[in-house]
N, C-alpha and C. Protein backbone atom coordinates (compact mmCIF):
# COMPACT_ATOMS: atom_id res chain seq x y z
N MET A 1 0.84 -1.16 0.00
CA MET A 1 0.00 0.00 0.00
C MET A 1 0.89 1.23 0.00
N ASP A 2 0.50 2.24 -0.73
CA ASP A 2 1.30 3.45 -0.73
C ASP A 2 0.90 4.32 0.45
N LYS A 3 1.49 5.46 0.58
CA LYS A 3 1.23 6.30 1.75
C LYS A 3 -0.21 6.80 1.81
N ASN A 4 -0.94 6.69 0.70
CA ASN A 4 -2.35 7.08 0.68
C ASN A 4 -3.28 5.91 0.99
N GLY A 5 -2.71 4.73 1.22
CA GLY A 5 -3.50 3.59 1.61
C GLY A 5 -3.81 2.60 0.50
N SER A 6 -3.44 2.89 -0.75
CA SER A 6 -3.71 1.94 -1.82
C SER A 6 -2.53 0.98 -1.98
N GLN A 7 -2.83 -0.24 -2.42
CA GLN A 7 -1.79 -1.26 -2.56
C GLN A 7 -0.89 -0.95 -3.75
N GLU A 8 0.38 -0.91 -3.52
CA GLU A 8 1.39 -0.63 -4.55
C GLU A 8 2.13 -1.93 -4.80
N LYS A 9 1.99 -2.48 -5.99
CA LYS A 9 2.63 -3.76 -6.30
C LYS A 9 3.72 -3.57 -7.34
N THR A 10 4.80 -4.29 -7.16
CA THR A 10 5.85 -4.28 -8.16
C THR A 10 5.41 -5.17 -9.32
N SER A 11 6.03 -4.97 -10.47
CA SER A 11 5.68 -5.80 -11.63
C SER A 11 5.96 -7.27 -11.36
N TYR A 12 6.92 -7.55 -10.51
CA TYR A 12 7.25 -8.94 -10.21
C TYR A 12 6.26 -9.59 -9.25
N GLU A 13 5.49 -8.78 -8.54
CA GLU A 13 4.44 -9.36 -7.69
C GLU A 13 3.24 -9.78 -8.52
N THR A 14 3.10 -9.20 -9.68
CA THR A 14 1.95 -9.52 -10.52
C THR A 14 2.32 -10.44 -11.68
N ASN A 15 3.60 -10.71 -11.88
CA ASN A 15 4.06 -11.59 -12.95
C ASN A 15 4.82 -12.77 -12.34
N PRO A 16 4.82 -13.91 -13.00
CA PRO A 16 5.55 -15.07 -12.45
C PRO A 16 7.06 -14.84 -12.47
N VAL A 17 7.71 -15.44 -11.49
CA VAL A 17 9.16 -15.42 -11.42
C VAL A 17 9.63 -16.82 -11.75
N GLU A 18 10.38 -16.94 -12.85
CA GLU A 18 10.68 -18.27 -13.36
C GLU A 18 12.10 -18.76 -13.10
N GLY A 19 12.97 -17.94 -12.61
CA GLY A 19 14.33 -18.38 -12.35
C GLY A 19 15.10 -17.34 -11.56
N PRO A 20 16.37 -17.60 -11.30
CA PRO A 20 17.18 -16.68 -10.51
C PRO A 20 17.24 -15.26 -11.08
N GLU A 21 17.33 -15.12 -12.39
CA GLU A 21 17.39 -13.77 -12.97
C GLU A 21 16.12 -12.98 -12.62
N ASP A 22 14.95 -13.59 -12.82
CA ASP A 22 13.70 -12.92 -12.47
C ASP A 22 13.63 -12.63 -10.97
N ALA A 23 14.06 -13.58 -10.16
CA ALA A 23 14.01 -13.40 -8.72
C ALA A 23 14.94 -12.27 -8.27
N ILE A 24 16.10 -12.14 -8.89
CA ILE A 24 17.02 -11.04 -8.56
C ILE A 24 16.38 -9.71 -8.97
N CYS A 25 15.74 -9.66 -10.13
CA CYS A 25 15.05 -8.44 -10.57
C CYS A 25 13.93 -8.06 -9.60
N ALA A 26 13.15 -9.04 -9.15
CA ALA A 26 12.08 -8.79 -8.19
C ALA A 26 12.65 -8.27 -6.87
N PHE A 27 13.74 -8.88 -6.44
CA PHE A 27 14.43 -8.47 -5.21
C PHE A 27 14.86 -7.01 -5.31
N VAL A 28 15.47 -6.63 -6.44
CA VAL A 28 15.95 -5.26 -6.63
C VAL A 28 14.78 -4.28 -6.66
N GLU A 29 13.71 -4.64 -7.34
CA GLU A 29 12.55 -3.75 -7.41
C GLU A 29 11.94 -3.56 -6.03
N ALA A 30 11.79 -4.63 -5.27
CA ALA A 30 11.25 -4.54 -3.91
C ALA A 30 12.19 -3.75 -3.00
N TYR A 31 13.49 -3.91 -3.19
CA TYR A 31 14.47 -3.14 -2.41
C TYR A 31 14.29 -1.65 -2.66
N ASP A 32 14.12 -1.27 -3.91
CA ASP A 32 13.94 0.14 -4.24
C ASP A 32 12.69 0.72 -3.57
N VAL A 33 11.60 -0.03 -3.58
CA VAL A 33 10.37 0.43 -2.94
C VAL A 33 10.60 0.62 -1.44
N LEU A 34 11.26 -0.35 -0.82
CA LEU A 34 11.53 -0.24 0.61
C LEU A 34 12.47 0.92 0.91
N GLN A 35 13.53 1.03 0.15
CA GLN A 35 14.52 2.09 0.38
C GLN A 35 13.87 3.47 0.23
N ALA A 36 12.96 3.62 -0.72
CA ALA A 36 12.28 4.90 -0.94
C ALA A 36 11.36 5.26 0.22
N SER A 37 10.95 4.27 1.01
CA SER A 37 10.07 4.54 2.15
C SER A 37 10.84 5.04 3.37
N ALA A 38 12.15 5.10 3.27
CA ALA A 38 13.02 5.58 4.35
C ALA A 38 12.79 4.82 5.66
N PRO A 39 13.01 3.50 5.63
CA PRO A 39 12.84 2.74 6.86
C PRO A 39 13.92 3.11 7.89
N PRO A 40 13.66 2.89 9.16
CA PRO A 40 14.64 3.25 10.18
C PRO A 40 15.92 2.43 10.10
N PHE A 41 15.92 1.34 9.35
CA PHE A 41 17.09 0.48 9.21
C PHE A 41 17.74 0.65 7.83
N ALA A 42 17.56 1.79 7.20
CA ALA A 42 18.08 2.04 5.84
C ALA A 42 19.59 1.86 5.76
N ALA A 43 20.32 2.31 6.76
CA ALA A 43 21.78 2.18 6.74
C ALA A 43 22.19 0.71 6.75
N GLU A 44 21.48 -0.11 7.51
CA GLU A 44 21.79 -1.55 7.54
C GLU A 44 21.49 -2.21 6.20
N LEU A 45 20.45 -1.74 5.51
CA LEU A 45 20.13 -2.27 4.18
C LEU A 45 21.29 -2.00 3.22
N LYS A 46 21.75 -0.76 3.22
CA LYS A 46 22.84 -0.38 2.32
C LYS A 46 24.11 -1.17 2.62
N THR A 47 24.41 -1.33 3.88
CA THR A 47 25.60 -2.09 4.26
C THR A 47 25.52 -3.52 3.75
N ALA A 48 24.37 -4.14 3.90
CA ALA A 48 24.19 -5.51 3.43
C ALA A 48 24.33 -5.60 1.92
N MET A 49 23.81 -4.62 1.21
CA MET A 49 23.84 -4.65 -0.26
C MET A 49 25.24 -4.39 -0.80
N TYR A 50 26.00 -3.52 -0.19
CA TYR A 50 27.27 -3.07 -0.75
C TYR A 50 28.44 -4.00 -0.52
N ARG A 51 28.40 -4.81 0.52
CA ARG A 51 29.60 -5.57 0.88
C ARG A 51 29.80 -6.78 -0.02
N PRO A 52 31.04 -7.02 -0.40
CA PRO A 52 31.34 -8.22 -1.19
C PRO A 52 31.35 -9.46 -0.29
N VAL A 53 31.15 -10.60 -0.91
CA VAL A 53 31.14 -11.88 -0.21
C VAL A 53 32.17 -12.78 -0.88
N THR A 54 32.99 -13.42 -0.08
CA THR A 54 33.96 -14.37 -0.61
C THR A 54 33.33 -15.76 -0.59
N PRO A 55 33.12 -16.36 -1.75
CA PRO A 55 32.55 -17.70 -1.78
C PRO A 55 33.44 -18.68 -1.02
N HIS A 56 32.82 -19.68 -0.42
CA HIS A 56 33.59 -20.67 0.34
C HIS A 56 34.55 -21.45 -0.54
N ASP A 57 34.29 -21.44 -1.84
CA ASP A 57 35.24 -22.02 -2.79
C ASP A 57 36.38 -21.00 -2.89
N TYR A 58 37.45 -21.21 -2.17
CA TYR A 58 38.49 -20.20 -2.03
C TYR A 58 39.25 -19.90 -3.32
N ASP A 59 38.96 -20.64 -4.38
CA ASP A 59 39.56 -20.33 -5.66
C ASP A 59 38.84 -19.16 -6.32
N SER A 60 37.69 -18.79 -5.80
CA SER A 60 36.91 -17.69 -6.35
C SER A 60 37.21 -16.41 -5.60
N PRO A 61 37.34 -15.30 -6.33
CA PRO A 61 37.53 -14.01 -5.66
C PRO A 61 36.21 -13.52 -5.07
N PRO A 62 36.25 -12.53 -4.19
CA PRO A 62 35.01 -11.97 -3.66
C PRO A 62 34.11 -11.50 -4.80
N VAL A 63 32.82 -11.56 -4.56
CA VAL A 63 31.84 -11.12 -5.55
C VAL A 63 30.92 -10.10 -4.87
N SER A 64 30.56 -9.07 -5.63
CA SER A 64 29.65 -8.05 -5.10
C SER A 64 28.46 -7.91 -6.03
N ILE A 65 27.47 -7.25 -5.55
CA ILE A 65 26.25 -7.06 -6.32
C ILE A 65 26.54 -6.31 -7.62
N TYR A 66 27.49 -5.41 -7.59
CA TYR A 66 27.82 -4.63 -8.79
C TYR A 66 28.45 -5.50 -9.86
N GLU A 67 29.22 -6.48 -9.45
CA GLU A 67 29.89 -7.37 -10.41
C GLU A 67 28.93 -8.25 -11.18
N ILE A 68 27.74 -8.45 -10.65
CA ILE A 68 26.77 -9.30 -11.35
C ILE A 68 25.78 -8.47 -12.15
N GLY A 69 25.93 -7.16 -12.17
CA GLY A 69 25.08 -6.32 -13.01
C GLY A 69 23.99 -5.56 -12.29
N VAL A 70 24.01 -5.54 -10.97
CA VAL A 70 23.05 -4.74 -10.21
C VAL A 70 23.77 -3.46 -9.81
N VAL A 71 23.33 -2.35 -10.41
CA VAL A 71 24.05 -1.08 -10.23
C VAL A 71 23.15 -0.01 -9.66
N TYR A 72 23.74 0.88 -8.90
CA TYR A 72 23.02 2.03 -8.34
C TYR A 72 22.96 3.11 -9.40
N VAL A 73 21.75 3.61 -9.62
CA VAL A 73 21.54 4.65 -10.62
C VAL A 73 20.99 5.88 -9.91
N PRO A 74 21.79 6.96 -9.80
CA PRO A 74 21.28 8.17 -9.16
C PRO A 74 20.04 8.67 -9.91
N ASP A 75 19.00 8.97 -9.15
CA ASP A 75 17.74 9.41 -9.74
C ASP A 75 17.18 10.50 -8.86
N GLY A 76 17.57 11.73 -9.12
CA GLY A 76 17.11 12.82 -8.26
C GLY A 76 17.70 12.68 -6.88
N THR A 77 16.85 12.72 -5.86
CA THR A 77 17.34 12.66 -4.49
C THR A 77 17.42 11.23 -3.96
N ALA A 78 16.59 10.32 -4.49
CA ALA A 78 16.54 8.97 -3.92
C ALA A 78 17.52 8.01 -4.57
N GLY A 79 17.51 7.92 -5.88
CA GLY A 79 18.33 6.93 -6.56
C GLY A 79 17.68 5.56 -6.49
N LYS A 80 18.01 4.73 -7.44
CA LYS A 80 17.46 3.38 -7.49
C LYS A 80 18.53 2.44 -8.00
N TYR A 81 18.26 1.16 -7.85
CA TYR A 81 19.12 0.15 -8.44
C TYR A 81 18.56 -0.22 -9.80
N GLY A 82 19.44 -0.52 -10.71
CA GLY A 82 19.05 -0.98 -12.03
C GLY A 82 19.75 -2.29 -12.32
N ILE A 83 19.26 -2.99 -13.32
CA ILE A 83 19.83 -4.27 -13.70
C ILE A 83 20.45 -4.14 -15.08
N ASN A 84 21.73 -4.47 -15.18
CA ASN A 84 22.39 -4.60 -16.47
C ASN A 84 22.15 -6.06 -16.87
N SER A 85 21.09 -6.26 -17.65
CA SER A 85 20.64 -7.61 -17.96
C SER A 85 21.71 -8.49 -18.62
N PRO A 86 22.46 -7.97 -19.63
CA PRO A 86 23.49 -8.84 -20.21
C PRO A 86 24.56 -9.25 -19.19
N LYS A 87 24.92 -8.33 -18.31
CA LYS A 87 25.93 -8.64 -17.30
C LYS A 87 25.39 -9.65 -16.28
N LEU A 88 24.13 -9.50 -15.88
CA LEU A 88 23.53 -10.44 -14.94
C LEU A 88 23.43 -11.83 -15.58
N LYS A 89 23.00 -11.90 -16.82
CA LYS A 89 22.91 -13.19 -17.51
C LYS A 89 24.27 -13.86 -17.61
N ALA A 90 25.29 -13.06 -17.93
CA ALA A 90 26.65 -13.61 -18.03
C ALA A 90 27.13 -14.12 -16.67
N ALA A 91 26.86 -13.36 -15.61
CA ALA A 91 27.27 -13.79 -14.27
C ALA A 91 26.57 -15.09 -13.88
N LEU A 92 25.29 -15.19 -14.18
CA LEU A 92 24.56 -16.41 -13.85
C LEU A 92 25.04 -17.61 -14.68
N ARG A 93 25.51 -17.34 -15.87
CA ARG A 93 26.01 -18.40 -16.74
C ARG A 93 27.44 -18.81 -16.35
N GLN A 94 28.30 -17.81 -16.08
CA GLN A 94 29.73 -18.08 -15.88
C GLN A 94 30.13 -18.24 -14.42
N ARG A 95 29.39 -17.63 -13.51
CA ARG A 95 29.76 -17.65 -12.09
C ARG A 95 28.57 -17.97 -11.21
N LYS A 96 27.74 -18.89 -11.64
CA LYS A 96 26.49 -19.16 -10.94
C LYS A 96 26.72 -19.51 -9.47
N SER A 97 27.73 -20.32 -9.17
CA SER A 97 27.97 -20.68 -7.76
C SER A 97 28.43 -19.47 -6.95
N ASP A 98 29.16 -18.56 -7.57
CA ASP A 98 29.57 -17.33 -6.87
C ASP A 98 28.37 -16.41 -6.61
N VAL A 99 27.50 -16.32 -7.59
CA VAL A 99 26.29 -15.50 -7.42
C VAL A 99 25.42 -16.09 -6.32
N ARG A 100 25.30 -17.40 -6.33
CA ARG A 100 24.55 -18.07 -5.26
C ARG A 100 25.16 -17.76 -3.90
N ALA A 101 26.48 -17.85 -3.80
CA ALA A 101 27.17 -17.54 -2.54
C ALA A 101 26.91 -16.10 -2.12
N LEU A 102 26.95 -15.18 -3.05
CA LEU A 102 26.70 -13.77 -2.75
C LEU A 102 25.37 -13.59 -2.05
N PHE A 103 24.37 -14.31 -2.51
CA PHE A 103 23.04 -14.14 -1.94
C PHE A 103 22.76 -15.05 -0.75
N VAL A 104 23.09 -16.33 -0.81
CA VAL A 104 22.59 -17.26 0.22
C VAL A 104 23.63 -17.87 1.14
N GLN A 105 24.91 -17.69 0.87
CA GLN A 105 25.92 -18.19 1.80
C GLN A 105 25.64 -17.56 3.16
N GLU A 106 26.02 -18.23 4.25
CA GLU A 106 25.65 -17.71 5.58
C GLU A 106 26.10 -16.28 5.84
N ASP A 107 27.14 -15.80 5.18
CA ASP A 107 27.56 -14.41 5.33
C ASP A 107 27.15 -13.57 4.11
N GLY A 108 26.21 -14.10 3.32
CA GLY A 108 25.75 -13.43 2.12
C GLY A 108 24.72 -12.34 2.40
N ILE A 109 24.25 -11.76 1.33
CA ILE A 109 23.32 -10.64 1.41
C ILE A 109 22.00 -11.06 2.08
N LEU A 110 21.39 -12.12 1.63
CA LEU A 110 20.05 -12.47 2.09
C LEU A 110 19.97 -12.89 3.56
N PRO A 111 20.87 -13.73 4.07
CA PRO A 111 20.77 -14.04 5.50
C PRO A 111 20.85 -12.79 6.38
N HIS A 112 21.74 -11.87 6.01
CA HIS A 112 21.86 -10.65 6.80
C HIS A 112 20.58 -9.81 6.69
N LEU A 113 20.08 -9.64 5.47
CA LEU A 113 18.86 -8.86 5.29
C LEU A 113 17.67 -9.50 6.02
N CYS A 114 17.54 -10.81 5.93
CA CYS A 114 16.43 -11.48 6.61
C CYS A 114 16.48 -11.25 8.11
N ASP A 115 17.67 -11.26 8.70
CA ASP A 115 17.81 -10.97 10.13
C ASP A 115 17.34 -9.56 10.46
N VAL A 116 17.80 -8.58 9.69
CA VAL A 116 17.44 -7.18 9.92
C VAL A 116 15.93 -6.98 9.77
N LEU A 117 15.37 -7.53 8.71
CA LEU A 117 13.95 -7.35 8.42
C LEU A 117 13.07 -8.05 9.46
N THR A 118 13.44 -9.27 9.82
CA THR A 118 12.66 -10.01 10.81
C THR A 118 12.68 -9.31 12.15
N GLU A 119 13.85 -8.83 12.54
CA GLU A 119 13.96 -8.10 13.82
C GLU A 119 13.05 -6.87 13.81
N PHE A 120 13.05 -6.13 12.71
CA PHE A 120 12.19 -4.94 12.61
C PHE A 120 10.72 -5.34 12.67
N LEU A 121 10.34 -6.39 11.97
CA LEU A 121 8.93 -6.78 11.91
C LEU A 121 8.41 -7.34 13.23
N GLU A 122 9.31 -7.80 14.10
CA GLU A 122 8.90 -8.31 15.40
C GLU A 122 8.59 -7.19 16.39
N GLU A 123 9.04 -5.99 16.09
CA GLU A 123 8.79 -4.85 16.97
C GLU A 123 7.41 -4.27 16.67
N PRO A 124 6.78 -3.65 17.68
CA PRO A 124 5.52 -2.94 17.40
C PRO A 124 5.79 -1.83 16.38
N TYR A 125 4.88 -1.63 15.48
CA TYR A 125 5.12 -0.65 14.43
C TYR A 125 4.09 0.47 14.47
N GLU A 126 4.57 1.65 14.15
CA GLU A 126 3.71 2.83 14.10
C GLU A 126 3.32 3.16 12.66
N ASP A 127 4.19 2.85 11.72
CA ASP A 127 3.96 3.20 10.33
C ASP A 127 3.57 1.95 9.55
N GLU A 128 2.29 1.83 9.24
CA GLU A 128 1.80 0.64 8.54
C GLU A 128 2.39 0.50 7.14
N TYR A 129 2.64 1.61 6.48
CA TYR A 129 3.23 1.56 5.13
C TYR A 129 4.62 0.94 5.15
N ILE A 130 5.47 1.42 6.06
CA ILE A 130 6.84 0.87 6.15
C ILE A 130 6.77 -0.60 6.55
N HIS A 131 5.88 -0.96 7.43
CA HIS A 131 5.72 -2.35 7.82
C HIS A 131 5.33 -3.19 6.60
N SER A 132 4.40 -2.71 5.81
CA SER A 132 3.92 -3.43 4.63
C SER A 132 5.04 -3.63 3.60
N VAL A 133 5.77 -2.59 3.26
CA VAL A 133 6.83 -2.74 2.25
C VAL A 133 7.99 -3.56 2.79
N THR A 134 8.22 -3.52 4.09
CA THR A 134 9.26 -4.36 4.70
C THR A 134 8.88 -5.83 4.58
N LEU A 135 7.64 -6.14 4.89
CA LEU A 135 7.17 -7.52 4.77
C LEU A 135 7.24 -8.00 3.33
N ARG A 136 6.87 -7.16 2.38
CA ARG A 136 6.94 -7.54 0.97
C ARG A 136 8.38 -7.76 0.52
N PHE A 137 9.30 -6.93 1.00
CA PHE A 137 10.71 -7.12 0.65
C PHE A 137 11.24 -8.41 1.27
N LEU A 138 10.86 -8.68 2.51
CA LEU A 138 11.27 -9.93 3.15
C LEU A 138 10.76 -11.12 2.34
N ASN A 139 9.55 -11.04 1.83
CA ASN A 139 9.02 -12.12 1.01
C ASN A 139 9.83 -12.29 -0.28
N GLU A 140 10.29 -11.19 -0.88
CA GLU A 140 11.15 -11.30 -2.08
C GLU A 140 12.48 -11.94 -1.72
N CYS A 141 13.02 -11.59 -0.55
CA CYS A 141 14.27 -12.23 -0.10
C CYS A 141 14.08 -13.72 0.06
N ARG A 142 12.97 -14.11 0.66
CA ARG A 142 12.69 -15.54 0.87
C ARG A 142 12.48 -16.25 -0.46
N ARG A 143 11.84 -15.58 -1.40
CA ARG A 143 11.64 -16.21 -2.71
C ARG A 143 12.97 -16.42 -3.42
N LEU A 144 13.88 -15.45 -3.30
CA LEU A 144 15.20 -15.60 -3.91
C LEU A 144 15.99 -16.73 -3.24
N ILE A 145 15.89 -16.82 -1.93
CA ILE A 145 16.53 -17.94 -1.21
C ILE A 145 15.99 -19.26 -1.73
N ALA A 146 14.69 -19.36 -1.89
CA ALA A 146 14.06 -20.59 -2.36
C ALA A 146 14.53 -20.96 -3.77
N MET A 147 14.83 -19.97 -4.60
CA MET A 147 15.31 -20.23 -5.95
C MET A 147 16.66 -20.93 -5.93
N TRP A 148 17.47 -20.68 -4.89
CA TRP A 148 18.82 -21.25 -4.85
C TRP A 148 18.87 -22.57 -4.11
N GLU A 149 17.78 -22.97 -3.47
CA GLU A 149 17.79 -24.23 -2.72
C GLU A 149 17.54 -25.42 -3.60
C-alpha cells in the first residue's frame, strides 16, 4: 500500500518469477520500494547490499552485487538500483555458484537482510506503510533464497 492507503505492487508481484534472474530483478525492485520509504534500518540495508562476499570455494575471488550487473543509478534525491541484464545473464552463466554464494551463503546478502527485516517486523510498528513494504521485501528475499535451494 502506498502512503495514501492503496496497494502498490511491483511488476514482479503480478508476474511469475521463473528463475534466478527474475528473482534477482524482483528483489531489486522490492528493495527500491523499501529504500524509498526511508525505513529506520536504511543504513543496515545499504551495508548488506554493498559488501562483497567471498565464496567458500576459495579459488573464487570476492563477488559483489555490482559485479553481477546490479548497479546504483542516481535518480534525483533517492536513486534506485538498475539491472544490467546482459551482465547479470553472463554472471549467472559463468559464475552461478559465486552469485549463489553472494546471496545465500551464511555471510551473504540475504541471511543478513532477513535478520534485519525479521527483527524490525517483530517490533511494534507505528507506520503501517513501512511495515507493509518491509514484509513484501522480506518475502522477495525468501523467494530468492528458495530459488537457490
